[in-house]
Structure formats: C-alpha cells, structure tokens
Amino acid sequence: MTQTFLLLQLDSEGSSYSEIAEILESVGFRTGAEGHEFVYDWGRRASVRETLELADRIQAALKGSRVSFRIESTED
C-alpha cells in the first residue's frame, strides 16, 4: 500500500497554516505523524505516474499561497 507524505515550508507573507491545511484536506491529505505534516493514503499501490499527478494537483491547489512542498512516497 502506498502512502505519500508531504512536508511544507510556509512563507510568513503567504497563506496561514490553517488555510493550507484546509486546502490539503480537500485534496485528500490528512494530518500526518512520525515527523510528516500530512499524509495521503492511497489504500493500494500507486504508480509513479499517479504520484506525479498528485504532485501536480498539490501544486495547483497551493498556487499563490507562497508555500513550498516536498513529497515522499513509501510502500508498505
């Protein structure tokens, strides 16, 4: 099963953390654990292509919010 973890870097001149959390929850992320801010649980194995498409959706959702992000996916 694939999980995609998201780490954020917010700009003090950008959107608030609570606004960003709402945006990410609308994309399907939930609050993470173990050092990760947010996690997307695929519920199955996801392909590299699907992970890249998720990154595109994150980027589109966060556009203009002045947030940088990094994703990392793992297989269980």
C-alpha atoms as a PDB file:
ATOM      1  CA  MET A   1       0.000   0.000   0.000  1.00  0.00           C
ATOM      2  CA  THR A   2       1.370   3.420  -0.945  1.00  0.00           C
ATOM      3  CA  GLN A   3       1.464   6.410   1.356  1.00  0.00           C
ATOM      4  CA  THR A   4       2.597   9.837   0.198  1.00  0.00           C
ATOM      5  CA  PHE A   5       3.991  12.190   2.804  1.00  0.00           C
ATOM      6  CA  LEU A   6       4.045  15.947   2.432  1.00  0.00           C
ATOM      7  CA  LEU A   7       6.426  18.398   4.086  1.00  0.00           C
ATOM      8  CA  LEU A   8       5.724  22.119   3.843  1.00  0.00           C
ATOM      9  CA  GLN A   9       7.713  25.313   4.049  1.00  0.00           C
ATOM     10  CA  LEU A  10       5.458  28.321   4.565  1.00  0.00           C
ATOM     11  CA  ASP A  11       6.374  31.912   3.790  1.00  0.00           C
ATOM     12  CA  SER A  12       5.437  34.422   6.504  1.00  0.00           C
ATOM     13  CA  GLU A  13       3.916  36.600   3.766  1.00  0.00           C
ATOM     14  CA  GLY A  14       1.753  33.782   2.408  1.00  0.00           C
ATOM     15  CA  SER A  15      -1.337  31.854   3.468  1.00  0.00           C
ATOM     16  CA  SER A  16      -1.789  30.741   7.061  1.00  0.00           C
ATOM     17  CA  TYR A  17      -1.112  27.168   8.127  1.00  0.00           C
ATOM     18  CA  SER A  18      -4.806  26.586   8.855  1.00  0.00           C
ATOM     19  CA  GLU A  19      -5.737  27.746   5.330  1.00  0.00           C
ATOM     20  CA  ILE A  20      -3.133  25.436   3.837  1.00  0.00           C
ATOM     21  CA  ALA A  21      -4.396  22.526   5.954  1.00  0.00           C
ATOM     22  CA  GLU A  22      -7.939  23.057   4.615  1.00  0.00           C
ATOM     23  CA  ILE A  23      -6.670  23.102   1.028  1.00  0.00           C
ATOM     24  CA  LEU A  24      -4.676  19.900   1.528  1.00  0.00           C
ATOM     25  CA  GLU A  25      -7.580  18.141   3.226  1.00  0.00           C
ATOM     26  CA  SER A  26      -9.723  18.982   0.179  1.00  0.00           C
ATOM     27  CA  VAL A  27      -7.088  17.236  -1.986  1.00  0.00           C
ATOM     28  CA  GLY A  28      -7.325  14.136   0.233  1.00  0.00           C
ATOM     29  CA  PHE A  29      -4.497  14.579   2.739  1.00  0.00           C
ATOM     30  CA  ARG A  30      -4.867  14.063   6.466  1.00  0.00           C
ATOM     31  CA  THR A  31      -2.702  15.264   9.316  1.00  0.00           C
ATOM     32  CA  GLY A  32       0.420  13.140   9.451  1.00  0.00           C
ATOM     33  CA  ALA A  33       2.553  11.593  12.144  1.00  0.00           C
ATOM     34  CA  GLU A  34       6.131  10.477  12.676  1.00  0.00           C
ATOM     35  CA  GLY A  35       7.706  13.740  11.509  1.00  0.00           C
ATOM     36  CA  HIS A  36       5.491  14.293   8.482  1.00  0.00           C
ATOM     37  CA  GLU A  37       2.978  17.111   8.369  1.00  0.00           C
ATOM     38  CA  PHE A  38       0.439  15.481   6.046  1.00  0.00           C
ATOM     39  CA  VAL A  39      -0.127  12.021   4.580  1.00  0.00           C
ATOM     40  CA  TYR A  40      -2.108  10.785   1.581  1.00  0.00           C
ATOM     41  CA  ASP A  41      -3.107   7.150   1.993  1.00  0.00           C
ATOM     42  CA  TRP A  42      -3.757   5.601  -1.389  1.00  0.00           C
ATOM     43  CA  GLY A  43      -5.299   2.431   0.064  1.00  0.00           C
ATOM     44  CA  ARG A  44      -3.452   0.470  -2.618  1.00  0.00           C
ATOM     45  CA  ARG A  45      -0.198   0.529  -4.544  1.00  0.00           C
ATOM     46  CA  ALA A  46       0.162   3.717  -6.577  1.00  0.00           C
ATOM     47  CA  SER A  47       2.288   4.101  -9.674  1.00  0.00           C
ATOM     48  CA  VAL A  48       4.986   6.705 -10.120  1.00  0.00           C
ATOM     49  CA  ARG A  49       2.738   8.393 -12.687  1.00  0.00           C
ATOM     50  CA  GLU A  50      -0.111   8.629 -10.168  1.00  0.00           C
ATOM     51  CA  THR A  51       2.243  10.120  -7.595  1.00  0.00           C
ATOM     52  CA  LEU A  52       3.399  12.729 -10.121  1.00  0.00           C
ATOM     53  CA  GLU A  53      -0.227  13.578 -10.919  1.00  0.00           C
ATOM     54  CA  LEU A  54      -0.883  14.028  -7.188  1.00  0.00           C
ATOM     55  CA  ALA A  55       2.086  16.412  -7.016  1.00  0.00           C
ATOM     56  CA  ASP A  56       0.561  18.388  -9.905  1.00  0.00           C
ATOM     57  CA  ARG A  57      -2.771  18.596  -8.017  1.00  0.00           C
ATOM     58  CA  ILE A  58      -0.969  19.787  -4.874  1.00  0.00           C
ATOM     59  CA  GLN A  59       0.904  22.436  -6.840  1.00  0.00           C
ATOM     60  CA  ALA A  60      -2.308  23.672  -8.492  1.00  0.00           C
ATOM     61  CA  ALA A  61      -4.175  23.759  -5.160  1.00  0.00           C
ATOM     62  CA  LEU A  62      -1.379  25.696  -3.423  1.00  0.00           C
ATOM     63  CA  LYS A  63      -0.718  28.127  -6.286  1.00  0.00           C
ATOM     64  CA  GLY A  64      -0.399  31.675  -4.981  1.00  0.00           C
ATOM     65  CA  SER A  65      -0.174  30.637  -1.321  1.00  0.00           C
ATOM     66  CA  ARG A  66       3.625  31.054  -1.149  1.00  0.00           C
ATOM     67  CA  VAL A  67       4.175  27.518   0.093  1.00  0.00           C
ATOM     68  CA  SER A  68       6.994  25.201  -0.931  1.00  0.00           C
ATOM     69  CA  PHE A  69       6.478  21.481  -0.540  1.00  0.00           C
ATOM     70  CA  ARG A  70       8.247  18.169  -0.805  1.00  0.00           C
ATOM     71  CA  ILE A  71       6.583  14.805  -1.269  1.00  0.00           C
ATOM     72  CA  GLU A  72       7.897  11.360  -0.489  1.00  0.00           C
ATOM     73  CA  SER A  73       6.074   8.092  -1.141  1.00  0.00           C
ATOM     74  CA  THR A  74       6.616   4.733   0.527  1.00  0.00           C
ATOM     75  CA  GLU A  75       5.285   1.221   0.025  1.00  0.00           C
ATOM     76  CA  ASP A  76       4.171  -0.975   2.907  1.00  0.00           C
END
